[in-house]
Protein backbone atom coordinates (compact mmCIF):
# COMPACT_ATOMS: atom_id res chain seq x y z
CA MET A 1 -11.96 -2.84 -36.27
CA LYS A 2 -9.26 -4.89 -34.62
CA ARG A 3 -5.63 -4.10 -35.27
CA ILE A 4 -2.88 -6.67 -34.94
CA LEU A 5 0.32 -5.28 -33.49
CA ALA A 6 3.60 -7.03 -32.81
CA ILE A 7 5.13 -6.54 -29.39
CA THR A 8 8.74 -7.52 -28.86
CA ALA A 9 9.48 -8.83 -25.37
CA ALA A 10 12.35 -10.65 -23.75
CA ALA A 11 10.54 -13.93 -24.29
CA GLY A 12 10.21 -13.27 -28.02
CA SER A 13 7.67 -11.69 -30.34
CA LEU A 14 4.06 -11.83 -29.22
CA LEU A 15 1.03 -11.07 -31.37
CA VAL A 16 -1.65 -9.31 -29.41
CA ALA A 17 -4.96 -8.14 -30.84
CA PHE A 18 -6.05 -4.79 -29.45
CA ALA A 19 -9.81 -4.56 -29.38
CA GLY A 20 -12.33 -1.84 -28.80
CA PRO A 21 -13.75 -1.33 -25.31
CA GLY A 22 -15.38 -4.47 -24.02
CA GLU A 23 -14.18 -6.66 -26.87
CA ALA A 24 -12.02 -9.68 -26.20
CA ALA A 25 -8.44 -9.65 -27.42
CA GLN A 26 -6.05 -12.42 -28.33
CA SER A 27 -4.36 -14.03 -25.39
CA ILE A 28 -0.98 -13.89 -23.69
CA ARG A 29 0.66 -17.05 -22.46
CA THR A 30 1.61 -17.03 -18.78
CA ASP A 31 3.54 -19.83 -17.11
CA LYS A 32 0.22 -21.52 -16.23
CA GLY A 33 -1.87 -20.88 -19.33
CA LEU A 34 -3.39 -18.37 -21.71
CA ILE A 35 -5.11 -15.20 -20.49
CA ALA A 36 -7.28 -12.96 -22.67
CA GLY A 37 -7.10 -9.19 -22.41
CA LYS A 38 -9.53 -6.36 -22.94
CA ALA A 39 -8.98 -2.79 -24.07
CA VAL A 40 -9.57 0.00 -21.55
CA GLY A 41 -8.70 3.44 -22.86
CA ASP A 42 -5.17 3.30 -24.21
CA SER A 43 -4.30 0.20 -22.22
CA MET A 44 -4.84 -3.54 -22.23
CA VAL A 45 -6.11 -5.14 -19.03
CA TYR A 46 -5.73 -8.77 -17.93
CA ASP A 47 -7.77 -9.24 -14.77
CA GLY A 48 -8.09 -12.19 -12.43
CA ILE A 49 -4.85 -14.12 -12.98
CA PRO A 50 -4.14 -16.66 -10.22
CA TYR A 51 -0.64 -16.30 -8.81
CA ALA A 52 -1.03 -18.96 -6.10
CA ALA A 53 -3.33 -21.84 -5.26
CA PRO A 54 -6.54 -21.02 -3.40
CA PRO A 55 -5.57 -20.99 0.31
CA VAL A 56 -8.56 -23.08 1.36
CA GLY A 57 -9.00 -26.18 3.51
CA GLY A 58 -5.61 -27.54 4.46
CA LEU A 59 -3.88 -24.57 2.79
CA ARG A 60 -5.46 -22.02 5.13
CA TRP A 61 -2.66 -20.45 7.18
CA LYS A 62 0.06 -22.00 5.08
CA ALA A 63 2.63 -20.46 2.78
CA PRO A 64 1.16 -19.79 -0.68
CA GLN A 65 1.43 -22.78 -2.99
CA PRO A 66 1.81 -22.79 -6.80
CA ALA A 67 -1.31 -22.08 -8.84
CA ALA A 68 -2.63 -24.88 -11.03
CA ALA A 69 -2.25 -24.69 -14.79
CA TRP A 70 -5.42 -24.27 -16.84
CA HIS A 71 -6.53 -25.34 -20.30
CA GLY A 72 -7.92 -23.07 -22.96
CA VAL A 73 -8.05 -19.30 -22.69
CA ARG A 74 -8.84 -17.76 -19.33
CA GLN A 75 -11.09 -14.72 -19.67
CA SER A 76 -10.17 -11.39 -18.11
CA GLU A 77 -12.51 -10.82 -15.18
CA ILE A 78 -12.19 -9.29 -11.74
CA ARG A 79 -12.22 -12.01 -9.13
CA ASP A 80 -13.41 -12.05 -5.52
CA VAL A 81 -11.74 -9.85 -2.96
CA CYS A 82 -10.14 -11.64 -0.02
CA PRO A 83 -12.32 -12.22 3.06
CA GLN A 84 -13.19 -8.97 4.83
CA GLN A 85 -16.06 -7.28 6.55
CA ALA A 86 -18.33 -4.94 4.61
CA ASN A 87 -16.60 -1.68 3.64
CA SER A 88 -16.60 0.88 0.82
CA GLU A 89 -14.49 -1.37 -1.44
CA ALA A 90 -16.51 -4.50 -0.67
CA PRO A 91 -20.02 -3.28 0.27
CA LYS A 92 -21.23 -6.81 0.99
CA GLY A 93 -17.98 -7.99 2.51
CA SER A 94 -16.47 -11.29 1.43
CA THR A 95 -15.88 -14.82 2.69
CA ALA A 96 -14.15 -15.98 -0.51
CA GLU A 97 -10.80 -17.49 0.45
CA ASP A 98 -10.12 -18.32 -3.21
CA CYS A 99 -8.80 -14.81 -3.74
CA LEU A 100 -5.09 -14.89 -4.60
CA TYR A 101 -5.37 -13.15 -7.94
CA LEU A 102 -3.62 -10.26 -9.60
CA ASN A 103 -4.44 -7.91 -12.45
CA VAL A 104 -2.05 -6.76 -15.17
CA THR A 105 -2.39 -3.52 -17.16
CA THR A 106 -0.13 -2.69 -20.09
CA PRO A 107 0.01 0.21 -22.56
CA ALA A 108 -1.77 -0.68 -25.79
CA ARG A 109 0.97 0.78 -27.95
CA PRO A 110 3.94 -1.42 -28.77
CA SER A 111 7.39 -0.90 -27.28
CA ALA A 112 10.77 -1.69 -28.77
CA LYS A 113 12.15 -2.66 -25.36
CA PRO A 114 10.76 -4.21 -22.17
CA ARG A 115 8.91 -1.80 -19.91
CA ALA A 116 9.37 -1.12 -16.21
CA VAL A 117 6.87 -2.93 -13.97
CA VAL A 118 5.03 -1.40 -10.99
CA VAL A 119 3.53 -3.88 -8.50
CA TRP A 120 0.85 -2.20 -6.37
CA LEU A 121 0.03 -3.56 -2.89
CA PRO A 122 -3.34 -2.14 -1.75
CA GLY A 123 -3.98 -0.54 1.60
CA GLY A 124 -6.86 -1.09 3.99
CA GLY A 125 -5.39 -1.50 7.45
CA PHE A 126 -4.41 -5.12 6.73
CA PHE A 127 -8.10 -6.03 7.08
CA SER A 128 -9.74 -4.69 3.89
CA GLY A 129 -9.02 -3.72 0.29
CA ALA A 130 -8.32 -5.33 -3.06
CA GLY A 131 -5.99 -4.91 -6.01
CA SER A 132 -8.94 -4.60 -8.38
CA SER A 133 -9.96 -1.31 -6.73
CA TYR A 134 -6.98 0.37 -8.42
CA GLU A 135 -7.78 0.53 -12.14
CA ALA A 136 -4.45 1.47 -13.72
CA SER A 137 -5.19 2.15 -17.40
CA LYS A 138 -4.22 5.84 -17.28
CA PHE A 139 -1.18 5.22 -15.07
CA ALA A 140 0.11 2.50 -17.40
CA ALA A 141 -0.58 4.30 -20.68
CA ARG A 142 0.67 7.74 -19.69
CA GLY A 143 3.66 6.38 -17.79
CA ASP A 144 4.57 3.67 -20.32
CA VAL A 145 4.82 1.00 -17.62
CA VAL A 146 3.27 -2.37 -16.85
CA VAL A 147 1.15 -2.29 -13.68
CA VAL A 148 0.31 -5.31 -11.53
CA THR A 149 -2.26 -4.92 -8.71
CA VAL A 150 -2.43 -7.67 -6.12
CA ASN A 151 -4.85 -9.30 -3.68
CA TYR A 152 -3.27 -10.76 -0.55
CA ARG A 153 -4.75 -12.43 2.52
CA LEU A 154 -6.05 -10.01 5.12
CA GLY A 155 -6.93 -9.94 8.79
CA ILE A 156 -7.37 -13.29 10.47
CA PHE A 157 -6.64 -15.10 7.19
CA GLY A 158 -3.37 -13.25 6.51
CA PHE A 159 -1.92 -12.46 9.93
CA PHE A 160 -3.25 -15.11 12.30
CA GLY A 161 -0.84 -16.96 14.54
CA TYR A 162 -0.93 -20.03 16.76
CA PRO A 163 1.74 -21.84 18.78
CA GLY A 164 3.63 -24.20 16.48
CA LEU A 165 2.09 -22.76 13.29
CA PRO A 166 4.89 -22.05 10.75
CA GLY A 167 4.62 -18.57 9.25
CA SER A 168 2.43 -17.17 12.02
CA GLY A 169 1.66 -13.50 11.43
CA THR A 170 3.14 -13.34 7.92
CA PHE A 171 0.84 -15.14 5.47
CA GLY A 172 -0.23 -11.90 3.80
CA LEU A 173 3.41 -10.88 3.34
CA GLN A 174 4.20 -14.29 1.88
CA ASP A 175 1.35 -13.79 -0.61
CA GLN A 176 2.89 -10.49 -1.69
CA GLN A 177 6.21 -12.21 -2.27
CA ALA A 178 4.50 -14.97 -4.25
CA ALA A 179 2.99 -12.27 -6.47
CA LEU A 180 6.41 -10.66 -6.91
CA ARG A 181 7.87 -14.04 -7.88
CA TRP A 182 5.01 -14.45 -10.38
CA VAL A 183 6.10 -11.12 -11.88
CA GLN A 184 9.65 -12.40 -12.19
CA ARG A 185 8.43 -15.41 -14.16
CA ASN A 186 5.82 -13.64 -16.29
CA ALA A 187 6.78 -9.99 -16.77
CA ALA A 188 8.32 -10.62 -20.18
CA ALA A 189 5.11 -12.14 -21.53
CA PHE A 190 3.38 -8.79 -20.90
CA GLY A 191 6.23 -6.74 -22.32
CA GLY A 192 7.70 -6.02 -18.88
CA ASP A 193 11.26 -6.14 -17.56
CA ALA A 194 11.64 -8.49 -14.58
CA ARG A 195 14.90 -6.74 -13.71
CA ASN A 196 13.13 -3.38 -13.34
CA VAL A 197 10.28 -3.90 -10.86
CA THR A 198 9.03 -1.25 -8.43
CA VAL A 199 7.00 -2.39 -5.43
CA ALA A 200 4.57 0.30 -4.31
CA GLY A 201 1.64 0.80 -1.96
CA GLU A 202 -0.34 3.18 0.22
CA SER A 203 -1.26 2.98 3.92
CA ALA A 204 -1.08 -0.74 4.83
CA GLY A 205 0.32 -1.13 1.31
CA GLY A 206 3.10 1.32 2.16
CA MET A 207 3.80 -0.56 5.39
CA SER A 208 3.87 -3.76 3.32
CA VAL A 209 6.49 -2.18 1.07
CA CYS A 210 8.52 -1.40 4.18
CA ALA A 211 8.18 -5.02 5.29
CA GLN A 212 9.38 -6.22 1.88
CA LEU A 213 12.30 -3.75 2.04
CA THR A 214 13.47 -5.44 5.24
CA SER A 215 12.55 -9.07 4.44
CA PRO A 216 15.45 -11.35 3.48
CA THR A 217 13.11 -13.55 1.44
CA SER A 218 12.22 -10.68 -0.92
CA THR A 219 15.82 -10.35 -2.10
CA GLY A 220 16.00 -9.79 -5.85
CA LEU A 221 12.24 -9.37 -6.32
CA PHE A 222 12.25 -5.60 -6.90
CA ALA A 223 14.62 -2.77 -7.80
CA LYS A 224 12.76 0.27 -6.41
CA ALA A 225 10.16 1.03 -3.75
CA VAL A 226 7.35 3.54 -3.14
CA MET A 227 5.90 4.02 0.38
CA GLN A 228 2.82 6.24 0.47
CA SER A 229 1.38 7.11 3.89
CA GLY A 230 2.99 4.14 5.59
CA SER A 231 6.57 3.55 6.70
CA CYS A 232 8.84 1.31 8.72
CA ALA A 233 8.75 3.65 11.73
CA PHE A 234 4.96 4.01 11.74
CA ASN A 235 3.40 3.74 15.19
CA TRP A 236 0.65 5.41 17.18
CA ALA A 237 0.41 6.88 20.63
CA ALA A 238 -2.30 6.01 23.15
CA SER A 239 -5.78 7.30 22.30
CA SER A 240 -4.43 9.10 19.23
CA GLN A 241 -6.46 7.54 16.41
CA TYR A 242 -9.39 6.25 18.48
CA PRO A 243 -10.47 6.96 22.07
CA GLY A 244 -9.07 4.39 24.47
CA GLN A 245 -6.62 2.99 21.91
CA THR A 246 -3.43 1.36 23.22
CA ALA A 247 -0.11 2.66 21.92
CA ASP A 248 1.27 0.18 19.39
CA SER A 249 2.63 -0.34 15.87
CA PRO A 250 1.93 -2.59 12.85
CA TRP A 251 4.73 -4.91 13.96
CA ILE A 252 4.55 -7.17 17.01
CA PRO A 253 6.64 -10.18 18.12
CA VAL A 254 5.44 -13.44 16.62
CA ARG A 255 5.10 -14.97 20.09
CA GLN A 256 2.47 -12.32 20.81
CA VAL A 257 0.62 -13.13 17.57
CA GLU A 258 0.64 -16.80 18.54
CA ALA A 259 -0.55 -16.07 22.08
CA ASN A 260 -3.34 -13.89 20.67
CA GLY A 261 -4.40 -16.73 18.36
CA LYS A 262 -4.48 -19.28 21.15
CA GLU A 263 -6.46 -16.91 23.39
CA TRP A 264 -8.88 -16.12 20.57
CA ALA A 265 -9.54 -19.80 19.80
CA ALA A 266 -10.15 -20.59 23.45
CA GLY A 267 -12.29 -17.53 24.06
CA LYS A 268 -14.56 -18.18 21.10
CA LYS A 269 -15.59 -21.58 22.53
CA LEU A 270 -14.96 -23.12 19.13
CA ALA A 271 -14.12 -26.49 20.66
CA CYS A 272 -10.88 -26.29 18.66
CA THR A 273 -7.54 -27.02 20.23
CA THR A 274 -5.65 -27.79 17.00
CA ILE A 275 -4.89 -25.97 13.77
CA ASP A 276 -6.58 -28.74 11.78
CA CYS A 277 -9.80 -28.05 13.67
CA LEU A 278 -9.51 -24.32 13.04
CA ARG A 279 -8.83 -24.95 9.35
CA ALA A 280 -12.06 -26.91 9.11
CA LEU A 281 -14.16 -23.94 10.22
CA LYS A 282 -16.13 -22.07 7.58
CA ALA A 283 -14.75 -18.70 6.53
CA ASP A 284 -17.81 -16.85 7.78
CA ALA A 285 -17.02 -18.11 11.30
CA LEU A 286 -13.72 -16.21 11.09
CA VAL A 287 -14.54 -12.97 9.27
CA ASP A 288 -16.37 -11.47 12.25
CA ASP A 289 -13.08 -11.52 14.18
CA THR A 290 -10.78 -10.50 11.35
CA LEU A 291 -9.93 -7.19 13.05
CA ALA A 292 -8.26 -9.08 15.90
CA PHE A 293 -5.34 -9.93 13.59
CA THR A 294 -4.06 -6.89 11.70
CA GLN A 295 -0.43 -6.77 12.80
CA ILE A 296 2.58 -8.44 11.21
CA GLY A 297 4.49 -10.92 13.36
CA TYR A 298 8.27 -10.66 13.41
CA GLY A 299 10.98 -12.86 14.86
CA GLY A 300 9.60 -16.25 13.92
CA THR A 301 10.55 -16.85 10.29
CA ALA A 302 12.99 -15.83 7.58
CA VAL A 303 10.17 -13.79 6.06
CA MET A 304 10.23 -11.26 8.92
CA PRO A 305 13.13 -12.01 11.28
CA TYR A 306 13.22 -8.50 12.78
CA SER A 307 10.90 -5.61 13.40
CA PRO A 308 10.97 -3.56 10.17
CA ALA A 309 11.40 -0.41 12.28
CA LYS A 310 14.53 -1.77 13.94
CA ALA A 311 15.81 -3.37 10.74
CA LEU A 312 15.66 -0.10 8.80
CA GLN A 313 17.27 1.78 11.67
CA ALA A 314 20.12 -0.76 11.67
CA GLY A 315 20.57 -0.52 7.90
CA LEU A 316 19.24 -4.03 7.30
CA PHE A 317 17.23 -3.35 4.15
CA HIS A 318 17.51 -3.79 0.40
CA ARG A 319 19.56 -1.07 -1.27
CA VAL A 320 17.00 0.33 -3.72
CA PRO A 321 15.87 3.92 -4.45
CA ILE A 322 12.74 4.99 -2.58
CA ILE A 323 9.84 7.43 -2.97
CA SER A 324 8.33 8.10 0.46
CA GLY A 325 5.70 10.53 1.63
CA ASN A 326 2.46 11.49 3.33
CA ASN A 327 -0.56 13.70 2.90
CA HIS A 328 -0.45 17.16 4.51
CA ASP A 329 -3.49 16.60 6.76
CA GLU A 330 -3.20 12.83 7.05
CA ALA A 331 -4.88 12.23 10.42
CA ASN A 332 -7.96 14.36 9.71
CA GLY A 333 -9.65 11.23 8.40
CA TRP A 334 -9.80 9.95 12.00
CA LEU A 335 -11.28 13.07 13.61
CA ALA A 336 -14.82 11.67 13.37
CA ALA A 337 -13.88 8.89 15.80
CA PHE A 338 -13.69 11.54 18.55
CA GLY A 339 -17.14 13.00 17.90
CA ASP A 340 -17.70 16.70 18.43
CA ILE A 341 -14.24 17.76 19.59
CA LYS A 342 -14.43 20.52 22.19
CA ASP A 343 -11.87 19.63 24.87
CA TYR A 344 -8.60 19.66 22.94
CA PRO A 345 -6.36 19.75 26.06
CA ALA A 346 -8.01 16.59 27.41
CA LEU A 347 -7.28 14.72 24.19
CA VAL A 348 -3.63 15.78 24.34
CA LYS A 349 -3.34 14.65 27.98
CA ASN A 350 -4.85 11.27 27.11
CA MET A 351 -2.30 10.87 24.33
CA VAL A 352 1.00 12.00 25.88
CA GLY A 353 0.24 12.04 29.61
CA GLU A 354 -0.20 15.01 31.91
CA SER A 355 3.55 15.64 32.38
CA LYS A 356 4.14 16.22 28.65
CA ALA A 357 0.78 17.72 27.69
CA ALA A 358 1.82 21.27 28.59
CA GLN A 359 4.66 21.15 26.08
CA VAL A 360 2.37 19.92 23.30
CA LEU A 361 -0.31 22.49 24.10
CA GLN A 362 2.30 25.26 24.08
CA HIS A 363 3.81 24.08 20.80
CA TYR A 364 0.40 23.53 19.17
CA ARG A 365 -1.57 26.43 20.64
CA GLN A 366 -5.25 26.05 19.89
CA SER A 367 -5.39 29.73 18.92
CA ARG A 368 -3.21 28.99 15.88
CA TYR A 369 -5.92 26.74 14.44
CA GLY A 370 -9.48 27.34 13.39
CA SER A 371 -10.99 24.94 15.91
CA PRO A 372 -10.13 22.37 18.59
CA ALA A 373 -10.59 19.67 15.94
CA ALA A 374 -8.10 21.37 13.60
CA ALA A 375 -5.52 21.57 16.39
CA TRP A 376 -6.03 17.90 17.26
CA GLY A 377 -5.73 16.98 13.57
CA ALA A 378 -2.39 18.81 13.33
CA VAL A 379 -1.04 17.11 16.47
CA THR A 380 -2.01 13.61 15.38
CA THR A 381 -0.95 14.11 11.76
CA ASP A 382 2.53 15.16 12.84
CA ARG A 383 2.99 12.63 15.66
CA ILE A 384 1.51 9.53 14.01
CA TRP A 385 2.07 9.99 10.30
CA SER A 386 4.45 12.68 9.14
CA CYS A 387 7.25 12.34 11.66
CA THR A 388 7.31 8.55 11.57
CA GLN A 389 7.64 8.77 7.76
CA VAL A 390 10.37 11.40 8.16
CA ALA A 391 12.21 9.09 10.57
CA SER A 392 12.18 6.28 8.00
CA ASP A 393 13.31 8.71 5.31
CA GLN A 394 16.24 9.80 7.44
CA GLN A 395 17.31 6.22 8.11
CA ALA A 396 16.98 5.05 4.51
CA ALA A 397 18.67 8.18 3.09
CA ARG A 398 21.91 7.19 4.78
CA LYS A 399 22.22 4.34 2.29
CA VAL A 400 20.00 5.01 -0.78
CA PRO A 401 18.37 7.91 -2.67
CA VAL A 402 15.07 8.86 -0.99
CA TYR A 403 12.63 11.20 -2.74
CA ALA A 404 10.37 12.63 -0.04
CA TYR A 405 7.03 14.35 -0.63
CA GLU A 406 3.70 15.36 0.81
CA PHE A 407 0.43 15.53 -1.09
CA ALA A 408 -1.17 18.91 -0.32
CA ASP A 409 -4.27 19.38 -2.47
CA LYS A 410 -6.91 20.38 0.08
CA HIS A 411 -9.76 19.73 -2.36
CA SER A 412 -9.20 16.22 -3.68
CA PRO A 413 -12.30 14.95 -5.53
CA ILE A 414 -12.75 12.29 -2.84
CA ALA A 415 -12.15 14.62 0.12
CA THR A 416 -14.81 15.42 2.68
CA PRO A 417 -15.15 19.22 2.75
CA GLY A 418 -13.02 20.75 5.47
CA LEU A 419 -10.71 17.77 6.03
CA GLY A 420 -8.06 18.93 3.58
CA ALA A 421 -5.40 16.59 2.23
CA ALA A 422 -6.36 13.70 4.50
CA HIS A 423 -5.39 10.03 4.32
CA ALA A 424 -5.76 8.41 0.85
CA MET A 425 -6.80 11.66 -0.86
CA GLU A 426 -3.95 11.33 -3.39
CA LEU A 427 -5.11 7.99 -4.81
CA PRO A 428 -7.44 9.27 -7.58
CA TYR A 429 -4.52 11.32 -8.92
CA LEU A 430 -2.75 8.04 -9.74
CA PHE A 431 -5.56 5.51 -10.33
CA ARG A 432 -9.12 5.31 -11.61
CA LEU A 433 -10.48 4.10 -8.27
CA GLY A 434 -13.11 1.46 -8.90
CA GLY A 435 -12.70 2.21 -12.60
CA TYR A 436 -14.20 5.67 -12.11
CA ASP A 437 -12.80 8.99 -13.35
CA PHE A 438 -13.44 11.43 -10.53
CA PRO A 439 -14.10 14.96 -11.78
CA MET A 440 -11.07 17.23 -11.48
CA SER A 441 -10.42 20.87 -12.23
CA GLU A 442 -7.83 21.68 -14.88
CA PRO A 443 -5.11 22.41 -12.26
CA GLN A 444 -5.93 19.12 -10.49
CA GLN A 445 -5.72 17.20 -13.76
CA GLN A 446 -2.34 18.79 -14.40
CA LEU A 447 -1.21 17.72 -10.94
CA SER A 448 -2.45 14.18 -11.62
CA ASN A 449 -0.43 14.06 -14.84
CA GLN A 450 2.66 15.38 -13.08
CA MET A 451 2.36 12.86 -10.26
CA ILE A 452 2.00 9.98 -12.70
CA ASP A 453 5.01 11.31 -14.59
CA TYR A 454 7.08 11.51 -11.39
CA TRP A 455 6.08 8.02 -10.22
CA THR A 456 6.60 6.31 -13.56
CA ALA A 457 9.88 8.07 -14.40
CA PHE A 458 11.09 6.80 -11.03
CA ALA A 459 9.89 3.28 -11.91
CA ARG A 460 11.75 3.39 -15.21
CA THR A 461 15.02 4.96 -14.08
CA GLY A 462 15.14 5.41 -10.29
CA ASP A 463 14.95 9.19 -10.82
CA PRO A 464 11.51 10.89 -10.87
CA ASN A 465 12.65 13.96 -12.78
CA GLY A 466 11.78 14.94 -16.33
CA PRO A 467 10.28 17.70 -18.46
CA GLY A 468 7.10 19.52 -17.48
CA ARG A 469 7.50 19.39 -13.70
CA PRO A 470 9.66 20.96 -10.98
CA VAL A 471 12.95 19.31 -10.06
CA TRP A 472 12.71 16.74 -7.26
CA SER A 473 15.99 16.20 -5.42
CA PRO A 474 16.69 13.32 -3.05
CA THR A 475 16.59 14.31 0.60
CA GLY A 476 19.43 14.43 3.05
CA SER A 477 19.43 12.25 6.14
CA SER A 478 19.00 14.99 8.76
CA ASN A 479 16.57 17.70 7.61
CA VAL A 480 14.16 15.85 5.33
CA LYS A 481 13.25 18.03 2.35
CA GLY A 482 10.97 17.10 -0.49
CA LEU A 483 8.17 18.29 -2.72
CA SER A 484 4.78 19.58 -1.65
CA LEU A 485 2.36 18.41 -4.35
CA ALA A 486 -0.55 20.79 -4.87
CA PRO A 487 -2.34 22.23 -7.93
CA THR A 488 -1.37 25.62 -9.32
CA ASP A 489 -4.51 27.33 -7.96
CA GLN A 490 -3.27 26.54 -4.44
CA THR A 491 0.49 26.57 -3.79
CA GLY A 492 1.60 24.58 -6.82
CA ILE A 493 4.45 22.10 -6.56
CA GLN A 494 7.19 23.52 -4.36
CA GLN A 495 10.12 22.53 -2.19
CA VAL A 496 9.36 22.07 1.51
CA SER A 497 11.16 20.95 4.67
CA LEU A 498 8.99 18.12 5.92
CA SER A 499 10.99 17.89 9.15
CA SER A 500 10.26 21.52 9.99
CA GLU A 501 6.70 21.76 8.68
CA HIS A 502 5.57 18.86 10.85
CA GLN A 503 7.60 19.72 13.97
CA CYS A 504 9.56 16.47 13.88
CA ARG A 505 12.43 17.69 16.05
CA PHE A 506 9.89 18.61 18.72
CA TRP A 507 8.35 15.14 18.66
CA ALA A 508 11.74 13.42 18.67
CA ALA A 509 12.77 15.43 21.74
CA LEU A 510 9.44 14.85 23.49
CA GLY A 511 9.77 11.08 23.08
CA ALA A 512 6.03 10.54 23.12
């Protein structure tokens, strides 16, 4: 039986009908029209809300434009993911450019005051992923926050560049900002507080948060930030994630993005020498090459005037509190790219060069690890992931509170046996991935609850602390200390020096 509850929001009193699972509920009025919700657990979900016009035809590779208003009540339904090749989140891939949608999840229970808002930017290497993969009903209800998950343009559609094309290399970032501006206009309608928005993300989503932290055009759009497994200083050494890989970072000069776009268009024999011609191509003619454009261009627009790495180092970032961290065995997810790892010294030499390899092999003696693969996983975790995150933590902590962490459950329900706390293994502790409740032991469920409590207390107040969990202190700017997050049948939650555990002084001195 439906219950009618009154919710007081900044925009005034709203009557919302909370229905049983699968039933439609009364609608909420956004700035473009009415959207119906549906009950999921102890939350209300409003899926598939357009925050910008479909970037199709002449709007491909342009700044996001306002969404059109609609008549009647828009039904809550998950919309298409942005164009991407087939992957675990989009098994059939996608060529649907009409994809700039977001999803809102609110607690079902009423609140006497506006709630904090968490805006989640999905990961996926800037070439895959979708906001709808992160079902947030538990996070919202337990944490008493409003959650917004976002689609943004990916790959060649989001980060393409071409000489003379305004916004080259930043269209995906501009989409994220358009979604954040939508939140500013519409948070109150969902019981949220537009003055208390946290922007959060993992992997490419964490790097996106870094980009927004250092973008002048995101000023005033959020009050807190969460960077999970992705930071401003993130970069990779040669042959460190894949054999034959060139050393690089997620950020490259916009002139390079534009040169890459011109070379790509010419090399594909598309008979296109203008942007208008390229815009007329069908999406499926572009998706095959989407991996050629997965880096953000800086230096060409107000959106990204500087490299985020250099901007953070120079103190040119928004002064907001930050949660920042990694997973303990982050790089183990890439071990398979190297096949059956037997020659560990050769991999190290390929990564740092022969002159520095001896130092790495002495510092990371293979005998300390169970196998050559385990040694290589430790080297690449520390060099690529942990110490770049620590560097960003150190730089940000000079100006703002930074709460550092590492996720350390070696038996996440989505982990491949033997890989430990690898990349993305923390995500089911925060979200129902794909709407699925992965089976967890009682200690893992407790850890999940504690992590949600930390994250949402931070979203509400800027301080993650509260009852039922160990104290989490902000780190200093030299030796980065934080929490190791593991269930009680392993190490439990404990204080740890991330700088020391991951040999960050060694890597800083090596300069590799």
